[in-house]
Amino acid sequence: MRRIVAQKPVRHVDIGSQTIFVNLLSAVVPVLFLDYRPLRANVARLESLQGDILNLPFANASLESLSCLHVAEHIGLGRYGDPLTPDGTRKAAQELARVLARNGNLYFALPIGQPRVCFNAHRIHAPETICRYFSDLELVEFSGVGDDGRFLEGVALSTFKDSQYACGFFWFRGA
């Protein structure tokens, strides 16, 4: 949240992250929250819209501030009623990159470590895989929370390569 606030966006768009996050962020910056299951809440500066991460209702290169935190790892596994899509995370990444404006900021988080699929729950990706999914964007910063619960800022992608279930935070900028 502090990365977003420091950039002082006029409006921030979030795709499916936790509602407590978008609620808190909306206290500082206007937020448009898009989710498969729309949020029904009356919160000042928080607008909610139903949508699909694989078909975002935004024009190409139109969003200057965008987040998707702990969402893409679930896409295509059917857990939330979505259709089965084996490469759901990659397709979600393509769609996020499509709508990110030149010099726009994308804040992206998901489980990282030894790659695998946990049936009907989530995928765990190698950080390098995520960077390949966003290869047209610039990686500004990579941070994460390791298996031991420690938060490490601005580290190398290889830092969590042996992790079982770490959390990777990627900050990308549109090229």
N, C-alpha and C. Protein backbone atom coordinates (compact mmCIF):
# COMPACT_ATOMS: atom_id res chain seq x y z
N MET A 1 0.82 -1.19 0.00
CA MET A 1 0.00 0.00 0.00
C MET A 1 0.87 1.26 0.00
N ARG A 2 1.97 1.22 0.74
CA ARG A 2 2.79 2.43 0.78
C ARG A 2 3.47 2.71 -0.54
N ARG A 3 3.75 1.68 -1.36
CA ARG A 3 4.31 1.90 -2.69
C ARG A 3 3.29 2.66 -3.56
N ILE A 4 2.03 2.26 -3.49
CA ILE A 4 0.97 2.90 -4.27
C ILE A 4 0.80 4.34 -3.83
N VAL A 5 0.68 4.56 -2.54
CA VAL A 5 0.46 5.91 -2.00
C VAL A 5 1.63 6.83 -2.36
N ALA A 6 2.85 6.31 -2.32
CA ALA A 6 4.03 7.13 -2.63
C ALA A 6 4.02 7.61 -4.08
N GLN A 7 3.38 6.87 -4.97
CA GLN A 7 3.32 7.27 -6.39
C GLN A 7 2.23 8.31 -6.65
N LYS A 8 1.35 8.53 -5.69
CA LYS A 8 0.28 9.53 -5.76
C LYS A 8 -0.58 9.42 -7.03
N PRO A 9 -1.17 8.25 -7.27
CA PRO A 9 -2.03 8.13 -8.44
C PRO A 9 -3.32 8.92 -8.26
N VAL A 10 -3.89 9.38 -9.37
CA VAL A 10 -5.18 10.06 -9.34
C VAL A 10 -6.27 9.05 -8.99
N ARG A 11 -6.12 7.84 -9.51
CA ARG A 11 -7.04 6.74 -9.23
C ARG A 11 -6.25 5.45 -9.33
N HIS A 12 -6.61 4.49 -8.50
CA HIS A 12 -5.96 3.19 -8.53
C HIS A 12 -7.01 2.13 -8.87
N VAL A 13 -6.63 1.16 -9.70
CA VAL A 13 -7.51 0.06 -10.05
C VAL A 13 -6.94 -1.22 -9.45
N ASP A 14 -7.77 -1.94 -8.73
CA ASP A 14 -7.36 -3.22 -8.16
C ASP A 14 -8.20 -4.33 -8.76
N ILE A 15 -7.53 -5.43 -9.08
CA ILE A 15 -8.20 -6.59 -9.65
C ILE A 15 -8.20 -7.71 -8.61
N GLY A 16 -9.33 -7.84 -7.92
CA GLY A 16 -9.61 -9.00 -7.09
C GLY A 16 -8.86 -9.19 -5.79
N SER A 17 -8.09 -8.22 -5.35
CA SER A 17 -7.35 -8.39 -4.09
C SER A 17 -8.32 -8.41 -2.91
N GLN A 18 -7.80 -8.61 -1.72
CA GLN A 18 -8.65 -8.66 -0.53
C GLN A 18 -9.39 -7.34 -0.33
N THR A 19 -10.62 -7.45 0.08
CA THR A 19 -11.44 -6.25 0.23
C THR A 19 -10.93 -5.33 1.33
N ILE A 20 -10.30 -5.86 2.35
CA ILE A 20 -9.75 -4.99 3.40
C ILE A 20 -8.65 -4.09 2.82
N PHE A 21 -7.88 -4.62 1.88
CA PHE A 21 -6.83 -3.84 1.23
C PHE A 21 -7.43 -2.67 0.45
N VAL A 22 -8.41 -2.96 -0.40
CA VAL A 22 -8.98 -1.87 -1.21
C VAL A 22 -9.75 -0.88 -0.35
N ASN A 23 -10.34 -1.35 0.72
CA ASN A 23 -11.04 -0.46 1.64
C ASN A 23 -10.05 0.51 2.29
N LEU A 24 -8.94 0.01 2.79
CA LEU A 24 -7.92 0.86 3.41
C LEU A 24 -7.30 1.82 2.40
N LEU A 25 -7.00 1.31 1.21
CA LEU A 25 -6.39 2.15 0.19
C LEU A 25 -7.33 3.28 -0.23
N SER A 26 -8.62 3.01 -0.27
CA SER A 26 -9.58 4.03 -0.69
C SER A 26 -9.66 5.20 0.30
N ALA A 27 -9.13 5.03 1.50
CA ALA A 27 -9.09 6.14 2.45
C ALA A 27 -8.05 7.18 2.02
N VAL A 28 -7.13 6.78 1.13
CA VAL A 28 -6.04 7.65 0.71
C VAL A 28 -6.15 8.05 -0.76
N VAL A 29 -6.67 7.15 -1.59
CA VAL A 29 -6.75 7.41 -3.04
C VAL A 29 -8.04 6.76 -3.56
N PRO A 30 -8.71 7.38 -4.52
CA PRO A 30 -9.89 6.73 -5.10
C PRO A 30 -9.52 5.39 -5.74
N VAL A 31 -10.35 4.38 -5.50
CA VAL A 31 -10.06 3.03 -5.97
C VAL A 31 -11.25 2.48 -6.75
N LEU A 32 -10.94 1.85 -7.88
CA LEU A 32 -11.91 1.05 -8.61
C LEU A 32 -11.51 -0.40 -8.37
N PHE A 33 -12.41 -1.17 -7.79
CA PHE A 33 -12.16 -2.58 -7.45
C PHE A 33 -12.96 -3.45 -8.41
N LEU A 34 -12.27 -4.29 -9.18
CA LEU A 34 -12.92 -5.21 -10.10
C LEU A 34 -12.73 -6.62 -9.59
N ASP A 35 -13.83 -7.37 -9.52
CA ASP A 35 -13.75 -8.75 -9.03
C ASP A 35 -14.78 -9.61 -9.74
N TYR A 36 -14.51 -10.89 -9.80
CA TYR A 36 -15.43 -11.88 -10.37
C TYR A 36 -16.75 -11.86 -9.60
N ARG A 37 -16.61 -11.68 -8.30
CA ARG A 37 -17.79 -11.53 -7.42
C ARG A 37 -17.78 -10.09 -6.93
N PRO A 38 -18.70 -9.26 -7.42
CA PRO A 38 -18.64 -7.83 -7.08
C PRO A 38 -18.82 -7.57 -5.58
N LEU A 39 -18.12 -6.56 -5.12
CA LEU A 39 -18.21 -6.12 -3.73
C LEU A 39 -19.42 -5.22 -3.58
N ARG A 40 -20.27 -5.55 -2.66
CA ARG A 40 -21.46 -4.74 -2.41
C ARG A 40 -21.24 -3.99 -1.09
N ALA A 41 -20.66 -2.79 -1.24
CA ALA A 41 -20.35 -1.98 -0.06
C ALA A 41 -20.50 -0.51 -0.44
N ASN A 42 -20.89 0.28 0.52
CA ASN A 42 -21.02 1.71 0.31
C ASN A 42 -19.88 2.39 1.05
N VAL A 43 -18.74 2.52 0.36
CA VAL A 43 -17.54 3.10 0.95
C VAL A 43 -17.13 4.29 0.08
N ALA A 44 -16.91 5.42 0.72
CA ALA A 44 -16.49 6.62 -0.02
C ALA A 44 -15.20 6.33 -0.78
N ARG A 45 -15.12 6.81 -2.00
CA ARG A 45 -13.94 6.69 -2.86
C ARG A 45 -13.60 5.26 -3.27
N LEU A 46 -14.55 4.33 -3.08
CA LEU A 46 -14.36 2.95 -3.52
C LEU A 46 -15.51 2.56 -4.43
N GLU A 47 -15.19 2.33 -5.69
CA GLU A 47 -16.18 1.89 -6.67
C GLU A 47 -15.92 0.42 -6.97
N SER A 48 -16.98 -0.37 -7.09
CA SER A 48 -16.84 -1.80 -7.35
C SER A 48 -17.48 -2.14 -8.68
N LEU A 49 -16.84 -3.05 -9.39
CA LEU A 49 -17.30 -3.46 -10.71
C LEU A 49 -17.10 -4.96 -10.86
N GLN A 50 -18.07 -5.65 -11.42
CA GLN A 50 -17.92 -7.08 -11.69
C GLN A 50 -17.13 -7.24 -12.98
N GLY A 51 -16.22 -8.19 -12.99
CA GLY A 51 -15.44 -8.42 -14.20
C GLY A 51 -14.59 -9.67 -14.10
N ASP A 52 -13.90 -9.94 -15.18
CA ASP A 52 -13.10 -11.15 -15.33
C ASP A 52 -11.66 -10.75 -15.64
N ILE A 53 -10.73 -11.22 -14.87
CA ILE A 53 -9.32 -10.87 -15.07
C ILE A 53 -8.80 -11.31 -16.43
N LEU A 54 -9.45 -12.29 -17.04
CA LEU A 54 -9.01 -12.75 -18.36
C LEU A 54 -9.63 -11.94 -19.50
N ASN A 55 -10.49 -11.01 -19.15
CA ASN A 55 -11.13 -10.14 -20.14
C ASN A 55 -11.47 -8.80 -19.48
N LEU A 56 -10.45 -8.04 -19.14
CA LEU A 56 -10.64 -6.80 -18.40
C LEU A 56 -11.34 -5.75 -19.26
N PRO A 57 -12.28 -5.00 -18.65
CA PRO A 57 -13.06 -4.02 -19.40
C PRO A 57 -12.37 -2.66 -19.52
N PHE A 58 -11.08 -2.68 -19.80
CA PHE A 58 -10.30 -1.45 -19.92
C PHE A 58 -9.57 -1.44 -21.26
N ALA A 59 -9.37 -0.26 -21.81
CA ALA A 59 -8.65 -0.11 -23.08
C ALA A 59 -7.17 -0.45 -22.89
N ASN A 60 -6.52 -0.79 -23.97
CA ASN A 60 -5.09 -1.05 -23.96
C ASN A 60 -4.35 0.16 -23.38
N ALA A 61 -3.35 -0.13 -22.56
CA ALA A 61 -2.45 0.90 -22.01
C ALA A 61 -3.20 2.07 -21.37
N SER A 62 -4.27 1.77 -20.62
CA SER A 62 -5.11 2.84 -20.08
C SER A 62 -5.01 3.06 -18.57
N LEU A 63 -4.37 2.15 -17.84
CA LEU A 63 -4.36 2.25 -16.38
C LEU A 63 -2.97 2.62 -15.87
N GLU A 64 -2.92 3.71 -15.11
CA GLU A 64 -1.63 4.19 -14.60
C GLU A 64 -1.22 3.57 -13.27
N SER A 65 -2.20 3.06 -12.52
CA SER A 65 -1.90 2.44 -11.23
C SER A 65 -2.81 1.23 -11.08
N LEU A 66 -2.20 0.05 -10.94
CA LEU A 66 -2.93 -1.21 -11.00
C LEU A 66 -2.33 -2.20 -10.02
N SER A 67 -3.20 -2.93 -9.33
CA SER A 67 -2.71 -4.01 -8.46
C SER A 67 -3.53 -5.27 -8.65
N CYS A 68 -2.88 -6.38 -8.37
CA CYS A 68 -3.51 -7.69 -8.41
C CYS A 68 -2.73 -8.54 -7.41
N LEU A 69 -3.27 -8.64 -6.20
CA LEU A 69 -2.54 -9.27 -5.09
C LEU A 69 -3.23 -10.56 -4.68
N HIS A 70 -2.52 -11.65 -4.85
CA HIS A 70 -3.00 -12.98 -4.46
C HIS A 70 -4.29 -13.36 -5.16
N VAL A 71 -4.27 -13.19 -6.48
CA VAL A 71 -5.42 -13.51 -7.33
C VAL A 71 -5.00 -14.46 -8.44
N ALA A 72 -3.97 -14.08 -9.19
CA ALA A 72 -3.60 -14.79 -10.43
C ALA A 72 -3.25 -16.25 -10.20
N GLU A 73 -2.80 -16.61 -9.02
CA GLU A 73 -2.45 -18.00 -8.75
C GLU A 73 -3.66 -18.93 -8.73
N HIS A 74 -4.85 -18.34 -8.61
CA HIS A 74 -6.09 -19.12 -8.56
C HIS A 74 -6.77 -19.25 -9.91
N ILE A 75 -6.39 -18.41 -10.87
CA ILE A 75 -7.13 -18.33 -12.14
C ILE A 75 -7.03 -19.64 -12.91
N GLY A 76 -8.19 -20.13 -13.29
CA GLY A 76 -8.27 -21.34 -14.11
C GLY A 76 -8.27 -22.64 -13.35
N LEU A 77 -8.34 -22.59 -12.02
CA LEU A 77 -8.39 -23.83 -11.23
C LEU A 77 -9.81 -24.19 -10.81
N GLY A 78 -10.77 -23.35 -11.12
CA GLY A 78 -12.17 -23.64 -10.83
C GLY A 78 -12.61 -23.41 -9.41
N ARG A 79 -11.72 -22.98 -8.56
CA ARG A 79 -12.04 -22.80 -7.14
C ARG A 79 -13.15 -21.78 -6.90
N TYR A 80 -13.18 -20.75 -7.72
CA TYR A 80 -14.15 -19.68 -7.52
C TYR A 80 -15.24 -19.68 -8.60
N GLY A 81 -15.45 -20.83 -9.22
CA GLY A 81 -16.47 -20.93 -10.24
C GLY A 81 -16.00 -20.52 -11.62
N ASP A 82 -14.71 -20.24 -11.76
CA ASP A 82 -14.17 -19.86 -13.05
C ASP A 82 -13.89 -21.12 -13.88
N PRO A 83 -13.87 -21.00 -15.21
CA PRO A 83 -13.60 -22.17 -16.04
C PRO A 83 -12.16 -22.65 -15.89
N LEU A 84 -11.94 -23.94 -16.11
CA LEU A 84 -10.60 -24.51 -16.02
C LEU A 84 -9.74 -23.97 -17.16
N THR A 85 -8.60 -23.41 -16.78
CA THR A 85 -7.65 -22.83 -17.72
C THR A 85 -6.25 -23.17 -17.19
N PRO A 86 -5.60 -24.20 -17.75
CA PRO A 86 -4.31 -24.64 -17.20
C PRO A 86 -3.26 -23.55 -17.09
N ASP A 87 -3.24 -22.59 -18.03
CA ASP A 87 -2.24 -21.52 -17.98
C ASP A 87 -2.89 -20.20 -17.53
N GLY A 88 -3.77 -20.31 -16.55
CA GLY A 88 -4.52 -19.15 -16.07
C GLY A 88 -3.66 -18.01 -15.56
N THR A 89 -2.61 -18.31 -14.82
CA THR A 89 -1.76 -17.23 -14.31
C THR A 89 -1.11 -16.47 -15.45
N ARG A 90 -0.60 -17.18 -16.44
CA ARG A 90 0.04 -16.52 -17.59
C ARG A 90 -0.97 -15.66 -18.34
N LYS A 91 -2.17 -16.17 -18.56
CA LYS A 91 -3.19 -15.40 -19.27
C LYS A 91 -3.61 -14.16 -18.47
N ALA A 92 -3.70 -14.30 -17.17
CA ALA A 92 -4.02 -13.15 -16.32
C ALA A 92 -2.91 -12.10 -16.43
N ALA A 93 -1.66 -12.54 -16.42
CA ALA A 93 -0.53 -11.62 -16.55
C ALA A 93 -0.57 -10.89 -17.88
N GLN A 94 -0.89 -11.59 -18.95
CA GLN A 94 -0.99 -10.95 -20.26
C GLN A 94 -2.06 -9.85 -20.26
N GLU A 95 -3.18 -10.13 -19.63
CA GLU A 95 -4.27 -9.16 -19.61
C GLU A 95 -3.91 -7.95 -18.74
N LEU A 96 -3.25 -8.17 -17.62
CA LEU A 96 -2.81 -7.06 -16.78
C LEU A 96 -1.80 -6.19 -17.53
N ALA A 97 -0.87 -6.82 -18.22
CA ALA A 97 0.13 -6.07 -18.99
C ALA A 97 -0.53 -5.29 -20.12
N ARG A 98 -1.57 -5.84 -20.71
CA ARG A 98 -2.27 -5.18 -21.81
C ARG A 98 -2.86 -3.84 -21.38
N VAL A 99 -3.44 -3.79 -20.18
CA VAL A 99 -4.14 -2.57 -19.75
C VAL A 99 -3.24 -1.58 -19.03
N LEU A 100 -2.01 -1.98 -18.68
CA LEU A 100 -1.10 -1.07 -17.97
C LEU A 100 -0.55 -0.01 -18.92
N ALA A 101 -0.66 1.25 -18.51
CA ALA A 101 -0.19 2.38 -19.31
C ALA A 101 1.34 2.42 -19.35
N ARG A 102 1.84 3.09 -20.37
CA ARG A 102 3.28 3.35 -20.44
C ARG A 102 3.66 4.14 -19.18
N ASN A 103 4.69 3.72 -18.50
CA ASN A 103 5.16 4.29 -17.24
C ASN A 103 4.17 4.08 -16.09
N GLY A 104 3.11 3.28 -16.31
CA GLY A 104 2.19 2.95 -15.23
C GLY A 104 2.81 1.94 -14.28
N ASN A 105 2.24 1.84 -13.10
CA ASN A 105 2.76 0.92 -12.07
C ASN A 105 1.80 -0.23 -11.84
N LEU A 106 2.37 -1.45 -11.83
CA LEU A 106 1.63 -2.66 -11.53
C LEU A 106 2.24 -3.30 -10.30
N TYR A 107 1.39 -3.54 -9.30
CA TYR A 107 1.80 -4.19 -8.06
C TYR A 107 1.15 -5.57 -8.08
N PHE A 108 1.97 -6.61 -8.03
CA PHE A 108 1.51 -7.97 -8.28
C PHE A 108 2.10 -8.89 -7.21
N ALA A 109 1.27 -9.73 -6.61
CA ALA A 109 1.76 -10.64 -5.58
C ALA A 109 1.10 -12.01 -5.73
N LEU A 110 1.88 -13.05 -5.40
CA LEU A 110 1.37 -14.42 -5.41
C LEU A 110 2.39 -15.34 -4.74
N PRO A 111 2.00 -16.58 -4.46
CA PRO A 111 2.94 -17.52 -3.84
C PRO A 111 4.10 -17.85 -4.78
N ILE A 112 5.28 -17.90 -4.22
CA ILE A 112 6.49 -18.23 -4.99
C ILE A 112 7.28 -19.31 -4.28
N GLY A 113 8.16 -19.92 -5.03
CA GLY A 113 9.01 -20.97 -4.49
C GLY A 113 9.15 -22.08 -5.51
N GLN A 114 9.23 -23.31 -5.03
CA GLN A 114 9.33 -24.45 -5.93
C GLN A 114 8.00 -24.61 -6.67
N PRO A 115 8.02 -24.49 -8.01
CA PRO A 115 6.78 -24.46 -8.79
C PRO A 115 5.95 -25.74 -8.66
N ARG A 116 4.63 -25.52 -8.51
CA ARG A 116 3.70 -26.65 -8.45
C ARG A 116 2.28 -26.13 -8.42
N VAL A 117 1.33 -27.02 -8.63
CA VAL A 117 -0.08 -26.71 -8.50
C VAL A 117 -0.60 -27.45 -7.28
N CYS A 118 -1.27 -26.74 -6.40
CA CYS A 118 -1.94 -27.35 -5.25
C CYS A 118 -3.40 -27.48 -5.66
N PHE A 119 -3.82 -28.70 -5.90
CA PHE A 119 -5.10 -28.99 -6.53
C PHE A 119 -6.24 -28.11 -6.04
N ASN A 120 -6.92 -27.49 -6.98
CA ASN A 120 -8.12 -26.68 -6.74
C ASN A 120 -7.89 -25.54 -5.74
N ALA A 121 -6.66 -25.15 -5.53
CA ALA A 121 -6.39 -24.08 -4.57
C ALA A 121 -5.60 -22.95 -5.22
N HIS A 122 -4.35 -23.24 -5.59
CA HIS A 122 -3.48 -22.20 -6.13
C HIS A 122 -2.26 -22.82 -6.80
N ARG A 123 -1.55 -21.98 -7.50
CA ARG A 123 -0.27 -22.36 -8.08
C ARG A 123 0.83 -21.63 -7.32
N ILE A 124 1.99 -22.25 -7.29
CA ILE A 124 3.19 -21.59 -6.76
C ILE A 124 4.15 -21.49 -7.94
N HIS A 125 4.68 -20.29 -8.15
CA HIS A 125 5.52 -20.02 -9.32
C HIS A 125 6.94 -19.64 -8.89
N ALA A 126 7.89 -19.93 -9.75
CA ALA A 126 9.23 -19.38 -9.58
C ALA A 126 9.17 -17.90 -9.93
N PRO A 127 9.83 -17.03 -9.19
CA PRO A 127 9.80 -15.60 -9.50
C PRO A 127 10.23 -15.29 -10.93
N GLU A 128 11.19 -16.05 -11.45
CA GLU A 128 11.65 -15.83 -12.82
C GLU A 128 10.53 -16.08 -13.83
N THR A 129 9.65 -17.03 -13.52
CA THR A 129 8.51 -17.30 -14.40
C THR A 129 7.60 -16.09 -14.47
N ILE A 130 7.35 -15.47 -13.33
CA ILE A 130 6.49 -14.28 -13.31
C ILE A 130 7.13 -13.16 -14.12
N CYS A 131 8.42 -12.98 -14.02
CA CYS A 131 9.10 -11.95 -14.81
C CYS A 131 9.00 -12.26 -16.30
N ARG A 132 9.05 -13.54 -16.68
CA ARG A 132 8.86 -13.90 -18.09
C ARG A 132 7.43 -13.58 -18.54
N TYR A 133 6.45 -13.81 -17.67
CA TYR A 133 5.06 -13.50 -18.01
C TYR A 133 4.88 -12.00 -18.27
N PHE A 134 5.67 -11.18 -17.60
CA PHE A 134 5.60 -9.72 -17.75
C PHE A 134 6.85 -9.20 -18.46
N SER A 135 7.35 -9.93 -19.43
CA SER A 135 8.64 -9.60 -20.06
C SER A 135 8.66 -8.24 -20.76
N ASP A 136 7.51 -7.71 -21.12
CA ASP A 136 7.48 -6.39 -21.77
C ASP A 136 7.48 -5.24 -20.76
N LEU A 137 7.45 -5.57 -19.47
CA LEU A 137 7.46 -4.56 -18.42
C LEU A 137 8.82 -4.52 -17.74
N GLU A 138 9.08 -3.42 -17.06
CA GLU A 138 10.32 -3.28 -16.29
C GLU A 138 10.05 -3.68 -14.84
N LEU A 139 10.88 -4.56 -14.30
CA LEU A 139 10.78 -4.91 -12.89
C LEU A 139 11.46 -3.80 -12.09
N VAL A 140 10.68 -3.07 -11.30
CA VAL A 140 11.21 -1.97 -10.48
C VAL A 140 11.77 -2.53 -9.19
N GLU A 141 11.02 -3.45 -8.57
CA GLU A 141 11.45 -3.99 -7.28
C GLU A 141 10.81 -5.35 -7.06
N PHE A 142 11.57 -6.23 -6.41
CA PHE A 142 11.07 -7.53 -6.00
C PHE A 142 11.33 -7.68 -4.50
N SER A 143 10.30 -8.05 -3.77
CA SER A 143 10.40 -8.29 -2.33
C SER A 143 9.61 -9.54 -2.02
N GLY A 144 9.72 -10.01 -0.79
CA GLY A 144 8.95 -11.21 -0.45
C GLY A 144 8.98 -11.54 1.02
N VAL A 145 8.08 -12.44 1.38
CA VAL A 145 8.03 -13.00 2.72
C VAL A 145 8.41 -14.47 2.58
N GLY A 146 9.48 -14.86 3.24
CA GLY A 146 9.97 -16.23 3.14
C GLY A 146 9.18 -17.22 3.98
N ASP A 147 9.54 -18.47 3.85
CA ASP A 147 8.89 -19.53 4.62
C ASP A 147 9.00 -19.28 6.12
N ASP A 148 10.02 -18.53 6.53
CA ASP A 148 10.23 -18.23 7.95
C ASP A 148 9.43 -17.02 8.43
N GLY A 149 8.68 -16.39 7.52
CA GLY A 149 7.85 -15.25 7.90
C GLY A 149 8.55 -13.91 7.86
N ARG A 150 9.82 -13.88 7.47
CA ARG A 150 10.54 -12.61 7.40
C ARG A 150 10.28 -11.91 6.07
N PHE A 151 10.03 -10.59 6.13
CA PHE A 151 9.82 -9.77 4.95
C PHE A 151 11.17 -9.22 4.51
N LEU A 152 11.54 -9.46 3.25
CA LEU A 152 12.79 -8.98 2.70
C LEU A 152 12.49 -8.08 1.51
N GLU A 153 12.95 -6.83 1.58
CA GLU A 153 12.68 -5.85 0.52
C GLU A 153 13.84 -5.76 -0.45
N GLY A 154 13.50 -5.57 -1.72
CA GLY A 154 14.51 -5.30 -2.74
C GLY A 154 15.56 -6.38 -2.87
N VAL A 155 15.12 -7.63 -3.00
CA VAL A 155 16.05 -8.76 -3.06
C VAL A 155 16.13 -9.33 -4.47
N ALA A 156 17.08 -10.21 -4.69
CA ALA A 156 17.23 -10.89 -5.97
C ALA A 156 16.10 -11.90 -6.16
N LEU A 157 15.75 -12.15 -7.41
CA LEU A 157 14.70 -13.12 -7.71
C LEU A 157 15.02 -14.50 -7.14
N SER A 158 16.28 -14.84 -7.06
CA SER A 158 16.70 -16.17 -6.59
C SER A 158 16.58 -16.35 -5.08
N THR A 159 16.28 -15.31 -4.35
CA THR A 159 16.24 -15.36 -2.89
C THR A 159 15.32 -16.45 -2.35
N PHE A 160 14.19 -16.68 -3.03
CA PHE A 160 13.19 -17.61 -2.52
C PHE A 160 13.10 -18.89 -3.35
N LYS A 161 14.14 -19.21 -4.13
CA LYS A 161 14.06 -20.34 -5.06
C LYS A 161 13.83 -21.68 -4.38
N ASP A 162 14.27 -21.85 -3.16
CA ASP A 162 14.08 -23.12 -2.45
C ASP A 162 12.88 -23.10 -1.51
N SER A 163 12.12 -22.03 -1.55
CA SER A 163 10.97 -21.90 -0.65
C SER A 163 9.86 -22.88 -1.01
N GLN A 164 9.11 -23.27 -0.01
CA GLN A 164 7.94 -24.11 -0.23
C GLN A 164 6.71 -23.26 -0.50
N TYR A 165 6.57 -22.17 0.28
CA TYR A 165 5.38 -21.33 0.15
C TYR A 165 5.70 -19.92 0.62
N ALA A 166 6.50 -19.23 -0.17
CA ALA A 166 6.84 -17.84 0.12
C ALA A 166 5.84 -16.94 -0.61
N CYS A 167 5.89 -15.66 -0.31
CA CYS A 167 5.01 -14.70 -0.97
C CYS A 167 5.89 -13.70 -1.70
N GLY A 168 5.69 -13.58 -3.00
CA GLY A 168 6.47 -12.65 -3.80
C GLY A 168 5.69 -11.40 -4.14
N PHE A 169 6.33 -10.26 -3.97
CA PHE A 169 5.75 -8.96 -4.31
C PHE A 169 6.56 -8.36 -5.45
N PHE A 170 5.91 -8.15 -6.58
CA PHE A 170 6.56 -7.63 -7.77
C PHE A 170 6.01 -6.23 -8.05
N TRP A 171 6.89 -5.29 -8.32
CA TRP A 171 6.49 -3.96 -8.75
C TRP A 171 7.04 -3.80 -10.16
N PHE A 172 6.13 -3.73 -11.11
CA PHE A 172 6.48 -3.56 -12.52
C PHE A 172 6.08 -2.18 -13.00
N ARG A 173 6.79 -1.70 -14.02
CA ARG A 173 6.43 -0.44 -14.66
C ARG A 173 6.25 -0.69 -16.15
N GLY A 174 5.21 -0.06 -16.69
CA GLY A 174 4.92 -0.20 -18.11
C GLY A 174 6.00 0.44 -18.96
N ALA A 175 6.40 -0.25 -20.00
CA ALA A 175 7.46 0.24 -20.87
C ALA A 175 6.89 0.99 -22.06
